Amino acid sequence: MNDQIAIPCVVMRGGTSRGPFFLASDLPVDPRARDAVLLSVMGGGHDLGIDGIGGGNAVINKVAIIGPASVPGADVDYLFAQVRVREGIVDTSPNCGNMLAAVGPFAIEAGLVAAAADRTQVRIHNVNTGKLIDATVSTPGGKVTYEGQVRIDGVPGTAAPIELSFPNAAGARTGRLLPTGRPVDRIEGIDVSCIDAAMPVMLVRAVDLGWTGREAPLEFADSGFRARLESLRVQAGRRMGFPNSAAMVIPKPVLIAAATEATLNTRYFMPHDCHSALAVTGAVAIATACVTPGTIAAEMVGPLAPPVPITLAHPSGQLVVRLEPGPVARVQRTARRIFQGHVFARRAHVPYSMLAA
């Protein structure tokens, strides 16, 4: 058609995130070439991703790469990439549970998984963490349906339910629920809890940093606060086993506070901008911290043990994580297929030698 590289692509909303979904077979195998393609299509190098399909917020600068399963017991592989368009960085260190909600529908409609007559379970191997997650998708008559009556805070309207089940989420990246070996660490005079369950996070009492934990995301724009939070995050990352945490989006920092109509108030950072809602994987980590003795979350909410629902308040409403013995964490999400076609990468951004690698 022209002098650009055309790549088949489906844009989907998963939970409160949105981004392009690619078949692994449509992208270069070499990680350097793959990342160059992703930066080109997302508009890397500009705050707003103006030369691509990315945007000015981390929740719409996400990419899902789906392929046949590479491990026994799984149906598909899912590699998540957080594209930091401003810095021109592709980070595959975390998982994303919101984008995960769209993996099942995408895999079924791509022909990677056969649909059942009513509901279809898709076992997803998250390549980033090595963990298996079960997604249950509505497929009446053997076809994916997106219309339904489920409402999730942070997304307008209603849609069909997608249940995500995270078995044995602890140690997703570090191999340990408490990567530092302690439920509480003290960094720069501040108590933090470092938790790794579906997502490595650093929990901090909002009040210890001068906040209530009920602020709107834009209220956290203060450069002095951001610098302090980043310093805590990087030091916590090193203690968790991420010596290069300054160049990664993990661990994610989370401010927590007591709540009257929820288990906790939360403000989740990605890692520098405050999320307008809440990451699913982050929610699993926060909920797990609530039932882990000695953490600042557990001390705040009092004795809790599975089976128990953990309701987490966020800027757009609430998200419920149901903790069950096993251990298993369950979250209900929705998804929608928005666009399918081709997205274009600029050849100047992706040398032929890299594409051929």
Protein backbone atom coordinates (compact mmCIF):
# COMPACT_ATOMS: atom_id res chain seq x y z
CA MET A 1 0.00 0.00 0.00
CA ASN A 2 2.72 2.47 0.95
CA ASP A 3 6.22 2.66 2.42
CA GLN A 4 5.13 1.78 5.96
CA ILE A 5 4.85 -1.60 7.69
CA ALA A 6 1.21 -2.75 8.00
CA ILE A 7 0.51 -4.94 11.03
CA PRO A 8 -2.85 -6.63 11.81
CA CYS A 9 -4.22 -5.18 15.01
CA VAL A 10 -7.33 -5.20 17.22
CA VAL A 11 -7.91 -2.36 19.67
CA MET A 12 -9.73 -3.53 22.79
CA ARG A 13 -10.80 -2.19 26.12
CA GLY A 14 -9.99 -4.52 28.95
CA GLY A 15 -11.42 -3.42 32.30
CA THR A 16 -10.37 0.22 32.75
CA SER A 17 -7.48 0.02 30.26
CA ARG A 18 -7.30 0.12 26.48
CA GLY A 19 -4.73 -0.77 23.86
CA PRO A 20 -3.81 -2.74 20.75
CA PHE A 21 -3.86 -6.54 20.72
CA PHE A 22 -1.48 -8.35 18.38
CA LEU A 23 -0.96 -11.96 17.46
CA ALA A 24 2.61 -12.88 18.36
CA SER A 25 3.06 -14.25 14.83
CA ASP A 26 2.46 -10.76 13.40
CA LEU A 27 5.35 -9.17 15.33
CA PRO A 28 9.12 -9.70 15.13
CA VAL A 29 10.48 -12.49 17.31
CA ASP A 30 13.54 -10.46 18.30
CA PRO A 31 12.59 -8.38 21.40
CA ARG A 32 14.54 -5.33 20.16
CA ALA A 33 12.72 -5.32 16.84
CA ARG A 34 9.39 -6.01 18.54
CA ASP A 35 9.86 -3.09 20.92
CA ALA A 36 10.88 -0.81 18.07
CA VAL A 37 7.65 -1.70 16.26
CA LEU A 38 5.58 -1.06 19.40
CA LEU A 39 7.20 2.32 20.01
CA SER A 40 6.54 3.29 16.41
CA VAL A 41 2.88 2.32 16.38
CA MET A 42 2.22 3.85 19.82
CA GLY A 43 4.00 7.14 19.06
CA GLY A 44 7.03 6.83 21.31
CA GLY A 45 9.07 9.96 21.97
CA HIS A 46 6.12 12.31 22.55
CA ASP A 47 4.07 12.95 25.69
CA LEU A 48 0.79 12.36 23.85
CA GLY A 49 1.98 9.65 21.45
CA ILE A 50 0.93 12.07 18.71
CA ASP A 51 2.56 10.04 15.92
CA GLY A 52 0.85 6.80 16.92
CA ILE A 53 -2.17 5.30 18.62
CA GLY A 54 -0.93 5.84 22.17
CA GLY A 55 -2.10 8.64 24.41
CA GLY A 56 -1.24 10.91 27.30
CA ASN A 57 -2.12 8.44 30.04
CA ALA A 58 -0.55 5.13 31.03
CA VAL A 59 -3.90 3.29 30.95
CA ILE A 60 -4.12 3.75 27.15
CA ASN A 61 -0.45 3.06 26.44
CA LYS A 62 -0.72 -0.69 26.93
CA VAL A 63 -0.14 -3.54 24.50
CA ALA A 64 -1.17 -7.21 24.60
CA ILE A 65 0.63 -9.84 22.51
CA ILE A 66 -1.21 -13.17 22.25
CA GLY A 67 -0.05 -16.50 20.88
CA PRO A 68 -0.38 -20.27 21.30
CA ALA A 69 0.45 -21.56 24.76
CA SER A 70 4.10 -22.35 25.43
CA VAL A 71 3.51 -24.18 28.73
CA PRO A 72 1.44 -27.27 29.61
CA GLY A 73 -2.06 -26.64 30.91
CA ALA A 74 -2.50 -23.24 29.27
CA ASP A 75 -4.58 -22.28 26.24
CA VAL A 76 -2.72 -19.13 25.20
CA ASP A 77 0.31 -17.02 26.00
CA TYR A 78 -0.20 -13.38 26.95
CA LEU A 79 2.73 -10.97 26.98
CA PHE A 80 1.91 -7.52 28.33
CA ALA A 81 3.91 -4.42 27.44
CA GLN A 82 3.61 -1.03 29.11
CA VAL A 83 4.75 1.56 26.58
CA ARG A 84 6.14 4.70 28.16
CA VAL A 85 5.63 7.00 25.20
CA ARG A 86 7.26 10.02 26.82
CA GLU A 87 10.55 8.22 27.45
CA GLY A 88 10.35 5.87 24.47
CA ILE A 89 10.54 2.74 26.64
CA VAL A 90 8.75 -0.61 26.37
CA ASP A 91 8.53 -2.32 29.77
CA THR A 92 7.53 -5.98 29.92
CA SER A 93 8.31 -6.40 33.63
CA PRO A 94 4.69 -6.17 34.91
CA ASN A 95 1.43 -7.92 34.15
CA CYS A 96 -1.80 -5.98 33.56
CA GLY A 97 -5.02 -7.48 34.89
CA ASN A 98 -7.32 -5.01 33.18
CA MET A 99 -5.91 -5.77 29.72
CA LEU A 100 -6.02 -9.42 30.80
CA ALA A 101 -9.83 -9.18 30.81
CA ALA A 102 -9.81 -8.82 27.01
CA VAL A 103 -7.37 -11.69 26.37
CA GLY A 104 -10.05 -14.40 26.52
CA PRO A 105 -12.44 -12.75 24.03
CA PHE A 106 -9.55 -11.90 21.71
CA ALA A 107 -8.17 -15.44 21.81
CA ILE A 108 -11.58 -16.97 21.04
CA GLU A 109 -12.29 -14.62 18.14
CA ALA A 110 -8.75 -15.14 16.81
CA GLY A 111 -9.40 -18.90 16.63
CA LEU A 112 -6.85 -19.79 19.31
CA VAL A 113 -9.52 -21.20 21.65
CA ALA A 114 -12.76 -22.99 20.71
CA ALA A 115 -15.87 -21.42 22.20
CA ALA A 116 -18.26 -23.46 24.35
CA ALA A 117 -22.06 -23.17 24.11
CA ASP A 118 -22.61 -20.85 27.09
CA ARG A 119 -19.43 -19.81 28.87
CA THR A 120 -15.86 -20.50 27.81
CA GLN A 121 -12.94 -20.80 30.18
CA VAL A 122 -9.61 -19.66 28.80
CA ARG A 123 -6.48 -20.54 30.77
CA ILE A 124 -3.96 -17.78 30.15
CA HIS A 125 -0.22 -18.08 30.64
CA ASN A 126 1.09 -14.65 31.54
CA VAL A 127 4.56 -14.65 30.01
CA ASN A 128 5.66 -11.68 32.14
CA THR A 129 5.22 -13.53 35.42
CA GLY A 130 4.96 -17.19 34.45
CA LYS A 131 1.61 -17.40 36.26
CA LEU A 132 -1.61 -19.02 34.98
CA ILE A 133 -4.89 -17.11 35.16
CA ASP A 134 -8.37 -18.37 34.30
CA ALA A 135 -10.76 -16.13 32.37
CA THR A 136 -14.44 -17.08 32.01
CA VAL A 137 -16.02 -15.44 28.96
CA SER A 138 -19.70 -15.25 27.99
CA THR A 139 -20.18 -17.19 24.72
CA PRO A 140 -23.91 -17.90 24.23
CA GLY A 141 -24.40 -19.99 21.12
CA GLY A 142 -20.65 -20.44 20.82
CA LYS A 143 -19.95 -16.75 20.07
CA VAL A 144 -18.33 -14.06 22.19
CA THR A 145 -20.83 -11.52 23.46
CA TYR A 146 -19.84 -8.08 24.72
CA GLU A 147 -23.30 -6.77 25.62
CA GLY A 148 -24.54 -7.39 29.14
CA GLN A 149 -25.69 -5.93 32.43
CA VAL A 150 -22.44 -5.78 34.41
CA ARG A 151 -21.16 -2.35 35.37
CA ILE A 152 -17.60 -1.70 36.55
CA ASP A 153 -16.57 1.62 38.05
CA GLY A 154 -14.39 3.65 35.71
CA VAL A 155 -16.17 2.54 32.50
CA PRO A 156 -19.46 4.02 31.23
CA GLY A 157 -22.40 1.73 30.52
CA THR A 158 -22.71 -2.01 31.03
CA ALA A 159 -21.26 -5.10 29.36
CA ALA A 160 -21.02 -8.88 29.61
CA PRO A 161 -19.16 -10.22 32.66
CA ILE A 162 -15.66 -11.66 32.48
CA GLU A 163 -14.44 -13.40 35.62
CA LEU A 164 -10.71 -13.51 36.25
CA SER A 165 -9.34 -16.07 38.67
CA PHE A 166 -5.79 -15.75 39.99
CA PRO A 167 -4.67 -18.97 41.70
CA ASN A 168 -1.48 -18.81 43.76
CA ALA A 169 -0.77 -15.19 42.83
CA ALA A 170 1.95 -14.74 45.46
CA GLY A 171 5.49 -14.23 44.21
CA ALA A 172 4.51 -13.25 40.66
CA ARG A 173 7.90 -11.63 39.96
CA THR A 174 10.08 -12.30 43.00
CA GLY A 175 8.93 -15.77 44.04
CA ARG A 176 7.89 -14.52 47.50
CA LEU A 177 4.81 -12.83 48.89
CA LEU A 178 7.06 -10.69 51.10
CA PRO A 179 10.12 -10.09 48.91
CA THR A 180 12.08 -8.28 51.62
CA GLY A 181 11.27 -11.00 54.16
CA ARG A 182 9.37 -8.53 56.34
CA PRO A 183 5.74 -7.31 56.39
CA VAL A 184 6.96 -3.75 57.06
CA ASP A 185 10.14 -1.95 56.00
CA ARG A 186 11.16 1.54 57.01
CA ILE A 187 12.51 3.74 54.21
CA GLU A 188 13.43 7.39 54.75
CA GLY A 189 11.49 7.31 58.02
CA ILE A 190 8.32 5.99 56.34
CA ASP A 191 6.74 2.57 56.97
CA VAL A 192 6.05 0.64 53.76
CA SER A 193 4.84 -2.88 53.01
CA CYS A 194 6.40 -4.54 49.97
CA ILE A 195 4.01 -7.16 48.55
CA ASP A 196 4.30 -9.38 45.47
CA ALA A 197 0.95 -10.97 44.58
CA ALA A 198 0.00 -10.70 40.89
CA MET A 199 1.90 -7.37 40.92
CA PRO A 200 4.82 -6.14 43.04
CA VAL A 201 3.60 -3.12 44.99
CA MET A 202 4.81 -0.79 47.71
CA LEU A 203 2.03 0.18 50.13
CA VAL A 204 2.30 3.46 52.06
CA ARG A 205 -0.13 5.05 54.51
CA ALA A 206 -1.48 8.12 52.74
CA VAL A 207 -1.36 10.14 55.96
CA ASP A 208 2.38 9.47 56.33
CA LEU A 209 2.95 11.45 53.12
CA GLY A 210 0.49 14.21 53.97
CA TRP A 211 -2.59 12.92 52.10
CA THR A 212 -6.03 11.60 53.02
CA GLY A 213 -6.12 8.83 50.39
CA ARG A 214 -9.35 10.28 48.96
CA GLU A 215 -7.82 12.85 46.61
CA ALA A 216 -8.55 13.13 42.89
CA PRO A 217 -5.67 11.95 40.65
CA LEU A 218 -4.76 15.45 39.46
CA GLU A 219 -4.15 16.57 43.05
CA PHE A 220 -0.98 14.44 43.06
CA ALA A 221 0.73 16.56 40.39
CA ASP A 222 3.04 18.25 42.91
CA SER A 223 6.63 17.66 41.74
CA GLY A 224 8.01 17.50 45.27
CA PHE A 225 5.59 14.75 46.27
CA ARG A 226 6.26 12.81 43.08
CA ALA A 227 10.01 12.97 43.65
CA ARG A 228 9.60 11.71 47.21
CA LEU A 229 7.27 8.90 46.16
CA GLU A 230 9.68 7.87 43.39
CA SER A 231 12.59 7.82 45.85
CA LEU A 232 10.63 5.51 48.15
CA ARG A 233 9.58 3.33 45.21
CA VAL A 234 13.10 2.91 43.85
CA GLN A 235 14.53 2.04 47.25
CA ALA A 236 11.69 -0.40 47.89
CA GLY A 237 12.34 -1.92 44.46
CA ARG A 238 15.97 -2.54 45.29
CA ARG A 239 15.00 -4.26 48.53
CA MET A 240 12.51 -6.40 46.58
CA GLY A 241 15.22 -7.52 44.16
CA PHE A 242 14.83 -4.98 41.33
CA PRO A 243 18.16 -3.13 41.17
CA ASN A 244 17.01 -1.36 38.00
CA SER A 245 13.63 -0.29 39.39
CA ALA A 246 14.16 3.35 38.36
CA ALA A 247 13.91 2.22 34.73
CA MET A 248 10.96 -0.12 35.40
CA VAL A 249 7.30 0.44 36.24
CA ILE A 250 7.50 -1.99 39.17
CA PRO A 251 7.02 -1.93 42.06
CA LYS A 252 3.84 0.14 41.82
CA PRO A 253 3.41 2.62 44.71
CA VAL A 254 0.01 2.67 46.44
CA LEU A 255 -1.34 5.07 49.04
CA ILE A 256 -3.84 3.43 51.40
CA ALA A 257 -6.19 4.91 53.96
CA ALA A 258 -9.04 3.83 56.22
CA ALA A 259 -12.49 3.78 54.64
CA THR A 260 -16.06 3.77 55.95
CA GLU A 261 -17.85 2.24 52.95
CA ALA A 262 -15.03 -0.01 51.73
CA THR A 263 -12.24 -2.11 53.18
CA LEU A 264 -9.63 0.50 52.20
CA ASN A 265 -9.27 3.72 50.25
CA THR A 266 -6.56 3.36 47.62
CA ARG A 267 -4.63 5.61 45.27
CA TYR A 268 -2.58 3.56 42.81
CA PHE A 269 0.33 5.02 40.81
CA MET A 270 1.59 3.69 37.44
CA PRO A 271 4.24 4.43 38.78
CA HIS A 272 4.25 8.23 38.50
CA ASP A 273 0.68 9.17 37.48
CA CYS A 274 -2.22 8.31 39.77
CA HIS A 275 -4.58 5.77 38.19
CA SER A 276 -8.09 7.10 37.58
CA ALA A 277 -9.39 3.71 38.79
CA LEU A 278 -7.36 0.71 40.00
CA ALA A 279 -5.23 -1.96 38.35
CA VAL A 280 -6.64 -5.48 38.75
CA THR A 281 -3.26 -7.02 39.54
CA GLY A 282 -2.57 -4.19 41.96
CA ALA A 283 -5.94 -4.80 43.58
CA VAL A 284 -5.05 -8.48 44.07
CA ALA A 285 -1.81 -7.42 45.76
CA ILE A 286 -3.55 -4.89 48.03
CA ALA A 287 -6.28 -7.40 48.96
CA THR A 288 -3.66 -10.04 49.72
CA ALA A 289 -1.85 -7.57 51.95
CA CYS A 290 -5.09 -7.07 53.89
CA VAL A 291 -5.01 -10.74 54.99
CA THR A 292 -1.24 -10.93 55.51
CA PRO A 293 -0.44 -10.41 59.21
CA GLY A 294 1.86 -7.53 60.06
CA THR A 295 1.46 -5.46 56.89
CA ILE A 296 0.29 -1.87 57.21
CA ALA A 297 -2.86 -2.86 55.29
CA ALA A 298 -3.67 -5.70 57.71
CA GLU A 299 -3.08 -3.45 60.70
CA MET A 300 -5.44 -0.88 59.19
CA VAL A 301 -8.36 -3.24 58.42
CA GLY A 302 -8.11 -5.63 61.36
CA PRO A 303 -8.27 -9.47 61.31
CA LEU A 304 -9.49 -10.87 57.99
CA ALA A 305 -9.14 -14.30 56.43
CA PRO A 306 -10.40 -16.01 53.25
CA PRO A 307 -13.09 -16.51 52.16
CA VAL A 308 -13.67 -12.76 52.26
CA PRO A 309 -14.51 -9.95 49.82
CA ILE A 310 -12.08 -7.04 49.91
CA THR A 311 -13.64 -3.81 48.64
CA LEU A 312 -11.11 -1.23 47.48
CA ALA A 313 -12.25 2.35 46.91
CA HIS A 314 -10.49 4.23 44.08
CA PRO A 315 -11.03 7.59 42.32
CA SER A 316 -13.76 6.21 40.03
CA GLY A 317 -15.61 4.03 42.54
CA GLN A 318 -14.83 0.59 43.92
CA LEU A 319 -13.31 -2.74 42.92
CA VAL A 320 -14.05 -5.97 44.77
CA VAL A 321 -11.49 -8.78 45.09
CA ARG A 322 -12.89 -12.04 46.41
CA LEU A 323 -10.24 -13.98 48.27
CA GLU A 324 -10.87 -17.70 48.62
CA PRO A 325 -8.93 -20.58 50.18
CA GLY A 326 -6.44 -22.12 47.80
CA PRO A 327 -5.40 -19.33 47.67
CA VAL A 328 -7.45 -17.85 44.82
CA ALA A 329 -8.33 -14.23 44.06
CA ARG A 330 -11.36 -13.54 41.84
CA VAL A 331 -12.23 -10.27 40.11
CA GLN A 332 -15.10 -9.44 37.77
CA ARG A 333 -14.31 -7.26 34.75
CA THR A 334 -15.72 -6.44 31.32
CA ALA A 335 -14.17 -5.89 27.89
CA ARG A 336 -15.06 -4.59 24.44
CA ARG A 337 -13.68 -5.04 20.93
CA ILE A 338 -13.35 -1.50 19.53
CA PHE A 339 -11.46 -1.64 16.24
CA GLN A 340 -9.79 -4.15 13.96
CA GLY A 341 -7.63 -3.57 10.92
CA HIS A 342 -3.99 -2.64 10.41
CA VAL A 343 -1.76 -0.26 12.30
CA PHE A 344 1.34 1.15 10.63
CA ALA A 345 4.93 1.24 11.87
CA ARG A 346 7.44 3.54 10.21
CA ARG A 347 10.25 1.70 8.45
CA ALA A 348 12.69 4.37 9.57
CA HIS A 349 11.98 3.33 13.17
CA VAL A 350 12.47 -0.39 12.51
CA PRO A 351 15.55 -1.20 10.40
CA TYR A 352 15.13 -4.11 8.00
CA SER A 353 18.00 -5.97 9.67
CA MET A 354 15.99 -6.02 12.91
CA LEU A 355 12.80 -7.20 11.19
CA ALA A 356 14.74 -10.02 9.56
CA ALA A 357 16.33 -11.11 12.85
